[in-house]
């Protein structure tokens, strides 16, 4: 197994985990709750949401970095 194939596997895992963690985020839209002023009740962010944001950003940055590395042909 070459280095290129290992990087491709890591890239695919980053893509899959990015999708999973993005879907785990809570929805930010108010929906119908914004009409009656109910949206102001839940404005504080929890530590779980912060950790989820950090993981999602890390996966996104690593996915984009690996995309550039793989498409530029820097690994042979």
PDB file of N, CA and C in Angstrom:
ATOM      1  N   UNK A   1       0.850  -1.167   0.000  1.00  0.00           N
ATOM      2  CA  UNK A   1       0.000   0.000   0.000  1.00  0.00           C
ATOM      3  C   UNK A   1       0.901   1.238   0.000  1.00  0.00           C
ATOM      4  N   UNK A   2       0.688   2.115  -0.948  1.00  0.00           N
ATOM      5  CA  UNK A   2       1.541   3.293  -1.085  1.00  0.00           C
ATOM      6  C   UNK A   2       1.043   4.432  -0.186  1.00  0.00           C
ATOM      7  N   UNK A   3       1.871   5.451  -0.060  1.00  0.00           N
ATOM      8  CA  UNK A   3       1.523   6.629   0.736  1.00  0.00           C
ATOM      9  C   UNK A   3       0.313   7.334   0.127  1.00  0.00           C
ATOM     10  N   UNK A   4       0.242   7.364  -1.200  1.00  0.00           N
ATOM     11  CA  UNK A   4      -0.868   7.999  -1.889  1.00  0.00           C
ATOM     12  C   UNK A   4      -2.191   7.327  -1.519  1.00  0.00           C
ATOM     13  N   UNK A   5      -2.203   6.002  -1.461  1.00  0.00           N
ATOM     14  CA  UNK A   5      -3.422   5.281  -1.108  1.00  0.00           C
ATOM     15  C   UNK A   5      -3.815   5.506   0.348  1.00  0.00           C
ATOM     16  N   UNK A   6      -2.829   5.599   1.232  1.00  0.00           N
ATOM     17  CA  UNK A   6      -3.117   5.870   2.642  1.00  0.00           C
ATOM     18  C   UNK A   6      -3.736   7.259   2.796  1.00  0.00           C
ATOM     19  N   UNK A   7      -3.192   8.239   2.088  1.00  0.00           N
ATOM     20  CA  UNK A   7      -3.734   9.601   2.148  1.00  0.00           C
ATOM     21  C   UNK A   7      -5.143   9.635   1.562  1.00  0.00           C
ATOM     22  N   UNK A   8      -5.395   8.875   0.504  1.00  0.00           N
ATOM     23  CA  UNK A   8      -6.741   8.805  -0.051  1.00  0.00           C
ATOM     24  C   UNK A   8      -7.729   8.199   0.940  1.00  0.00           C
ATOM     25  N   UNK A   9      -7.302   7.195   1.678  1.00  0.00           N
ATOM     26  CA  UNK A   9      -8.179   6.577   2.673  1.00  0.00           C
ATOM     27  C   UNK A   9      -8.476   7.559   3.804  1.00  0.00           C
ATOM     28  N   UNK A  10      -7.459   8.274   4.261  1.00  0.00           N
ATOM     29  CA  UNK A  10      -7.663   9.282   5.308  1.00  0.00           C
ATOM     30  C   UNK A  10      -8.582  10.378   4.805  1.00  0.00           C
ATOM     31  N   UNK A  11      -8.424  10.775   3.547  1.00  0.00           N
ATOM     32  CA  UNK A  11      -9.268  11.793   2.922  1.00  0.00           C
ATOM     33  C   UNK A  11     -10.732  11.332   2.894  1.00  0.00           C
ATOM     34  N   UNK A  12     -10.969  10.089   2.531  1.00  0.00           N
ATOM     35  CA  UNK A  12     -12.333   9.558   2.477  1.00  0.00           C
ATOM     36  C   UNK A  12     -12.942   9.467   3.878  1.00  0.00           C
ATOM     37  N   UNK A  13     -12.137   9.092   4.864  1.00  0.00           N
ATOM     38  CA  UNK A  13     -12.631   9.030   6.240  1.00  0.00           C
ATOM     39  C   UNK A  13     -12.988  10.426   6.743  1.00  0.00           C
ATOM     40  N   UNK A  14     -12.163  11.417   6.413  1.00  0.00           N
ATOM     41  CA  UNK A  14     -12.464  12.810   6.785  1.00  0.00           C
ATOM     42  C   UNK A  14     -13.764  13.280   6.149  1.00  0.00           C
ATOM     43  N   UNK A  15     -13.980  12.910   4.900  1.00  0.00           N
ATOM     44  CA  UNK A  15     -15.213  13.304   4.217  1.00  0.00           C
ATOM     45  C   UNK A  15     -16.424  12.675   4.896  1.00  0.00           C
ATOM     46  N   UNK A  16     -16.344  11.378   5.211  1.00  0.00           N
ATOM     47  CA  UNK A  16     -17.465  10.694   5.844  1.00  0.00           C
ATOM     48  C   UNK A  16     -17.741  11.253   7.234  1.00  0.00           C
ATOM     49  N   UNK A  17     -16.681  11.452   8.033  1.00  0.00           N
ATOM     50  CA  UNK A  17     -16.872  11.987   9.380  1.00  0.00           C
ATOM     51  C   UNK A  17     -17.371  13.429   9.363  1.00  0.00           C
ATOM     52  N   UNK A  18     -16.977  14.201   8.361  1.00  0.00           N
ATOM     53  CA  UNK A  18     -17.495  15.565   8.232  1.00  0.00           C
ATOM     54  C   UNK A  18     -19.001  15.546   8.031  1.00  0.00           C
ATOM     55  N   UNK A  19     -19.462  14.658   7.182  1.00  0.00           N
ATOM     56  CA  UNK A  19     -20.905  14.542   6.943  1.00  0.00           C
ATOM     57  C   UNK A  19     -21.624  14.148   8.227  1.00  0.00           C
ATOM     58  N   UNK A  20     -21.080  13.183   8.941  1.00  0.00           N
ATOM     59  CA  UNK A  20     -21.715  12.722  10.184  1.00  0.00           C
ATOM     60  C   UNK A  20     -21.770  13.840  11.216  1.00  0.00           C
ATOM     61  N   UNK A  21     -20.660  14.541  11.418  1.00  0.00           N
ATOM     62  CA  UNK A  21     -20.637  15.585  12.443  1.00  0.00           C
ATOM     63  C   UNK A  21     -21.467  16.804  12.046  1.00  0.00           C
ATOM     64  N   UNK A  22     -21.555  17.103  10.770  1.00  0.00           N
ATOM     65  CA  UNK A  22     -22.423  18.204  10.344  1.00  0.00           C
ATOM     66  C   UNK A  22     -23.879  17.852  10.607  1.00  0.00           C
ATOM     67  N   UNK A  23     -24.245  16.610  10.373  1.00  0.00           N
ATOM     68  CA  UNK A  23     -25.621  16.197  10.633  1.00  0.00           C
ATOM     69  C   UNK A  23     -25.935  16.126  12.126  1.00  0.00           C
ATOM     70  N   UNK A  24     -24.931  16.007  12.981  1.00  0.00           N
ATOM     71  CA  UNK A  24     -25.156  15.985  14.420  1.00  0.00           C
ATOM     72  C   UNK A  24     -25.415  17.369  15.012  1.00  0.00           C
ATOM     73  N   UNK A  25     -25.093  18.420  14.285  1.00  0.00           N
ATOM     74  CA  UNK A  25     -25.307  19.774  14.790  1.00  0.00           C
ATOM     75  C   UNK A  25     -26.789  20.038  14.988  1.00  0.00           C
ATOM     76  N   UNK A  26     -27.078  20.854  15.993  1.00  0.00           N
ATOM     77  CA  UNK A  26     -28.464  21.243  16.209  1.00  0.00           C
ATOM     78  C   UNK A  26     -28.841  22.305  15.181  1.00  0.00           C
ATOM     79  N   UNK A  27     -30.096  22.306  14.750  1.00  0.00           N
ATOM     80  CA  UNK A  27     -30.507  23.292  13.743  1.00  0.00           C
ATOM     81  C   UNK A  27     -30.470  24.706  14.318  1.00  0.00           C
ATOM     82  N   UNK A  28     -30.021  25.651  13.507  1.00  0.00           N
ATOM     83  CA  UNK A  28     -29.895  27.036  13.961  1.00  0.00           C
ATOM     84  C   UNK A  28     -31.120  27.888  13.610  1.00  0.00           C
ATOM     85  N   UNK A  29     -31.981  27.381  12.760  1.00  0.00           N
ATOM     86  CA  UNK A  29     -33.138  28.158  12.347  1.00  0.00           C
ATOM     87  C   UNK A  29     -34.164  28.259  13.454  1.00  0.00           C
ATOM     88  N   UNK A  30     -34.861  29.383  13.481  1.00  0.00           N
ATOM     89  CA  UNK A  30     -35.885  29.586  14.496  1.00  0.00           C
ATOM     90  C   UNK A  30     -37.171  28.849  14.162  1.00  0.00           C
ATOM     91  N   UNK A  31     -37.472  28.764  12.892  1.00  0.00           N
ATOM     92  CA  UNK A  31     -38.740  28.161  12.504  1.00  0.00           C
ATOM     93  C   UNK A  31     -39.905  29.024  12.967  1.00  0.00           C
ATOM     94  N   UNK A  32     -40.961  28.389  13.383  1.00  0.00           N
ATOM     95  CA  UNK A  32     -42.126  29.129  13.864  1.00  0.00           C
ATOM     96  C   UNK A  32     -41.924  29.674  15.267  1.00  0.00           C
ATOM     97  N   UNK A  33     -40.905  29.190  15.988  1.00  0.00           N
ATOM     98  CA  UNK A  33     -40.643  29.694  17.331  1.00  0.00           C
ATOM     99  C   UNK A  33     -40.154  31.130  17.331  1.00  0.00           C
ATOM    100  N   UNK A  34     -39.603  31.590  16.227  1.00  0.00           N
ATOM    101  CA  UNK A  34     -39.123  32.963  16.137  1.00  0.00           C
ATOM    102  C   UNK A  34     -40.231  33.989  16.083  1.00  0.00           C
ATOM    103  N   UNK A  35     -41.440  33.574  15.747  1.00  0.00           N
ATOM    104  CA  UNK A  35     -42.555  34.504  15.642  1.00  0.00           C
ATOM    105  C   UNK A  35     -42.988  34.985  17.021  1.00  0.00           C
ATOM    106  N   UNK A  36     -43.067  34.070  17.972  1.00  0.00           N
ATOM    107  CA  UNK A  36     -43.553  34.428  19.298  1.00  0.00           C
ATOM    108  C   UNK A  36     -42.467  34.846  20.264  1.00  0.00           C
ATOM    109  N   UNK A  37     -41.241  34.974  19.830  1.00  0.00           N
ATOM    110  CA  UNK A  37     -40.171  35.379  20.721  1.00  0.00           C
ATOM    111  C   UNK A  37     -39.564  34.230  21.499  1.00  0.00           C
ATOM    112  N   UNK A  38     -39.867  33.023  21.156  1.00  0.00           N
ATOM    113  CA  UNK A  38     -39.351  31.866  21.866  1.00  0.00           C
ATOM    114  C   UNK A  38     -37.884  31.597  21.560  1.00  0.00           C
ATOM    115  N   UNK A  39     -37.353  32.172  20.505  1.00  0.00           N
ATOM    116  CA  UNK A  39     -35.988  31.867  20.087  1.00  0.00           C
ATOM    117  C   UNK A  39     -34.941  32.406  21.049  1.00  0.00           C
ATOM    118  N   UNK A  40     -35.263  33.433  21.843  1.00  0.00           N
ATOM    119  CA  UNK A  40     -34.299  34.021  22.762  1.00  0.00           C
ATOM    120  C   UNK A  40     -34.056  33.153  23.987  1.00  0.00           C
ATOM    121  N   UNK A  41     -34.875  32.132  24.189  1.00  0.00           N
ATOM    122  CA  UNK A  41     -34.743  31.294  25.370  1.00  0.00           C
ATOM    123  C   UNK A  41     -33.506  30.392  25.291  1.00  0.00           C
ATOM    124  N   UNK A  42     -33.114  29.972  24.106  1.00  0.00           N
ATOM    125  CA  UNK A  42     -32.048  28.998  23.942  1.00  0.00           C
ATOM    126  C   UNK A  42     -30.852  29.581  23.200  1.00  0.00           C
ATOM    127  N   UNK A  43     -30.316  30.697  23.655  1.00  0.00           N
ATOM    128  CA  UNK A  43     -29.206  31.319  22.944  1.00  0.00           C
ATOM    129  C   UNK A  43     -27.841  30.912  23.494  1.00  0.00           C
ATOM    130  N   UNK A  44     -27.767  30.281  24.650  1.00  0.00           N
ATOM    131  CA  UNK A  44     -26.470  29.909  25.202  1.00  0.00           C
ATOM    132  C   UNK A  44     -25.945  28.646  24.516  1.00  0.00           C
ATOM    133  N   UNK A  45     -24.627  28.632  24.258  1.00  0.00           N
ATOM    134  CA  UNK A  45     -24.018  27.458  23.634  1.00  0.00           C
ATOM    135  C   UNK A  45     -23.465  26.556  24.714  1.00  0.00           C
ATOM    136  N   UNK A  46     -23.623  25.292  24.552  1.00  0.00           N
ATOM    137  CA  UNK A  46     -23.154  24.317  25.538  1.00  0.00           C
ATOM    138  C   UNK A  46     -21.768  23.838  25.159  1.00  0.00           C
ATOM    139  N   UNK A  47     -21.115  23.175  26.102  1.00  0.00           N
ATOM    140  CA  UNK A  47     -19.770  22.680  25.832  1.00  0.00           C
ATOM    141  C   UNK A  47     -19.779  21.574  24.790  1.00  0.00           C
ATOM    142  N   UNK A  48     -20.851  20.799  24.725  1.00  0.00           N
ATOM    143  CA  UNK A  48     -20.935  19.750  23.699  1.00  0.00           C
ATOM    144  C   UNK A  48     -21.018  20.367  22.308  1.00  0.00           C
ATOM    145  N   UNK A  49     -21.748  21.439  22.185  1.00  0.00           N
ATOM    146  CA  UNK A  49     -21.858  22.124  20.894  1.00  0.00           C
ATOM    147  C   UNK A  49     -20.518  22.742  20.498  1.00  0.00           C
ATOM    148  N   UNK A  50     -19.793  23.272  21.466  1.00  0.00           N
ATOM    149  CA  UNK A  50     -18.467  23.847  21.183  1.00  0.00           C
ATOM    150  C   UNK A  50     -17.495  22.764  20.726  1.00  0.00           C
ATOM    151  N   UNK A  51     -17.532  21.617  21.392  1.00  0.00           N
ATOM    152  CA  UNK A  51     -16.655  20.518  20.988  1.00  0.00           C
ATOM    153  C   UNK A  51     -17.028  20.020  19.603  1.00  0.00           C
ATOM    154  N   UNK A  52     -18.315  19.954  19.325  1.00  0.00           N
ATOM    155  CA  UNK A  52     -18.775  19.531  18.002  1.00  0.00           C
ATOM    156  C   UNK A  52     -18.336  20.523  16.930  1.00  0.00           C
ATOM    157  N   UNK A  53     -18.361  21.798  17.248  1.00  0.00           N
ATOM    158  CA  UNK A  53     -17.888  22.815  16.300  1.00  0.00           C
ATOM    159  C   UNK A  53     -16.397  22.664  16.024  1.00  0.00           C
ATOM    160  N   UNK A  54     -15.603  22.429  17.076  1.00  0.00           N
ATOM    161  CA  UNK A  54     -14.153  22.273  16.900  1.00  0.00           C
ATOM    162  C   UNK A  54     -13.823  21.047  16.052  1.00  0.00           C
ATOM    163  N   UNK A  55     -14.519  19.943  16.320  1.00  0.00           N
ATOM    164  CA  UNK A  55     -14.276  18.722  15.548  1.00  0.00           C
ATOM    165  C   UNK A  55     -14.651  18.937  14.092  1.00  0.00           C
ATOM    166  N   UNK A  56     -15.785  19.590  13.859  1.00  0.00           N
ATOM    167  CA  UNK A  56     -16.239  19.837  12.488  1.00  0.00           C
ATOM    168  C   UNK A  56     -15.264  20.738  11.743  1.00  0.00           C
ATOM    169  N   UNK A  57     -14.786  21.788  12.394  1.00  0.00           N
ATOM    170  CA  UNK A  57     -13.807  22.682  11.757  1.00  0.00           C
ATOM    171  C   UNK A  57     -12.507  21.948  11.463  1.00  0.00           C
ATOM    172  N   UNK A  58     -12.054  21.135  12.411  1.00  0.00           N
ATOM    173  CA  UNK A  58     -10.822  20.376  12.197  1.00  0.00           C
ATOM    174  C   UNK A  58     -10.936  19.404  11.040  1.00  0.00           C
ATOM    175  N   UNK A  59     -12.061  18.715  10.964  1.00  0.00           N
ATOM    176  CA  UNK A  59     -12.273  17.789   9.857  1.00  0.00           C
ATOM    177  C   UNK A  59     -12.374  18.532   8.527  1.00  0.00           C
ATOM    178  N   UNK A  60     -13.026  19.684   8.535  1.00  0.00           N
ATOM    179  CA  UNK A  60     -13.147  20.464   7.307  1.00  0.00           C
ATOM    180  C   UNK A  60     -11.809  20.972   6.801  1.00  0.00           C
ATOM    181  N   UNK A  61     -11.008  21.467   7.732  1.00  0.00           N
ATOM    182  CA  UNK A  61      -9.683  21.968   7.344  1.00  0.00           C
ATOM    183  C   UNK A  61      -8.800  20.836   6.845  1.00  0.00           C
ATOM    184  N   UNK A  62      -8.844  19.691   7.534  1.00  0.00           N
ATOM    185  CA  UNK A  62      -8.021  18.567   7.077  1.00  0.00           C
ATOM    186  C   UNK A  62      -8.518  18.025   5.741  1.00  0.00           C
ATOM    187  N   UNK A  63      -9.829  18.018   5.516  1.00  0.00           N
ATOM    188  CA  UNK A  63     -10.366  17.568   4.229  1.00  0.00           C
ATOM    189  C   UNK A  63      -9.903  18.476   3.097  1.00  0.00           C
ATOM    190  N   UNK A  64      -9.981  19.776   3.300  1.00  0.00           N
ATOM    191  CA  UNK A  64      -9.565  20.719   2.258  1.00  0.00           C
ATOM    192  C   UNK A  64      -8.062  20.619   2.012  1.00  0.00           C
ATOM    193  N   UNK A  65      -7.277  20.492   3.087  1.00  0.00           N
ATOM    194  CA  UNK A  65      -5.827  20.361   2.941  1.00  0.00           C
ATOM    195  C   UNK A  65      -5.459  19.098   2.172  1.00  0.00           C
ATOM    196  N   UNK A  66      -6.093  17.974   2.520  1.00  0.00           N
ATOM    197  CA  UNK A  66      -5.817  16.735   1.806  1.00  0.00           C
ATOM    198  C   UNK A  66      -6.287  16.793   0.354  1.00  0.00           C
ATOM    199  N   UNK A  67      -7.370  17.519   0.103  1.00  0.00           N
ATOM    200  CA  UNK A  67      -7.838  17.692  -1.272  1.00  0.00           C
ATOM    201  C   UNK A  67      -6.803  18.432  -2.107  1.00  0.00           C
ATOM    202  N   UNK A  68      -6.229  19.482  -1.536  1.00  0.00           N
ATOM    203  CA  UNK A  68      -5.203  20.242  -2.253  1.00  0.00           C
ATOM    204  C   UNK A  68      -3.965  19.380  -2.482  1.00  0.00           C
ATOM    205  N   UNK A  69      -3.554  18.639  -1.466  1.00  0.00           N
ATOM    206  CA  UNK A  69      -2.357  17.795  -1.581  1.00  0.00           C
ATOM    207  C   UNK A  69      -2.570  16.721  -2.639  1.00  0.00           C
ATOM    208  N   UNK A  70      -3.733  16.070  -2.619  1.00  0.00           N
ATOM    209  CA  UNK A  70      -3.986  15.005  -3.590  1.00  0.00           C
ATOM    210  C   UNK A  70      -4.150  15.538  -5.011  1.00  0.00           C
ATOM    211  N   UNK A  71      -4.803  16.684  -5.156  1.00  0.00           N
ATOM    212  CA  UNK A  71      -5.040  17.202  -6.508  1.00  0.00           C
ATOM    213  C   UNK A  71      -3.783  17.843  -7.117  1.00  0.00           C
ATOM    214  N   UNK A  72      -2.887  18.354  -6.263  1.00  0.00           N
ATOM    215  CA  UNK A  72      -1.675  18.989  -6.771  1.00  0.00           C
ATOM    216  C   UNK A  72      -0.625  17.965  -7.186  1.00  0.00           C
ATOM    217  N   UNK A  73      -0.787  16.734  -6.749  1.00  0.00           N
ATOM    218  CA  UNK A  73       0.183  15.702  -7.120  1.00  0.00           C
ATOM    219  C   UNK A  73       1.468  15.780  -6.349  1.00  0.00           C
ATOM    220  N   UNK A  74       1.417  16.324  -5.120  1.00  0.00           N
ATOM    221  CA  UNK A  74       2.624  16.450  -4.325  1.00  0.00           C
ATOM    222  C   UNK A  74       3.086  15.115  -3.756  1.00  0.00           C
ATOM    223  N   UNK A  75       2.185  14.132  -3.740  1.00  0.00           N
ATOM    224  CA  UNK A  75       2.523  12.792  -3.250  1.00  0.00           C
ATOM    225  C   UNK A  75       2.502  11.856  -4.449  1.00  0.00           C
ATOM    226  N   UNK A  76       3.594  11.129  -4.648  1.00  0.00           N
ATOM    227  CA  UNK A  76       3.615  10.216  -5.782  1.00  0.00           C
ATOM    228  C   UNK A  76       3.790   8.785  -5.337  1.00  0.00           C
TER     229      UNK A  76
END
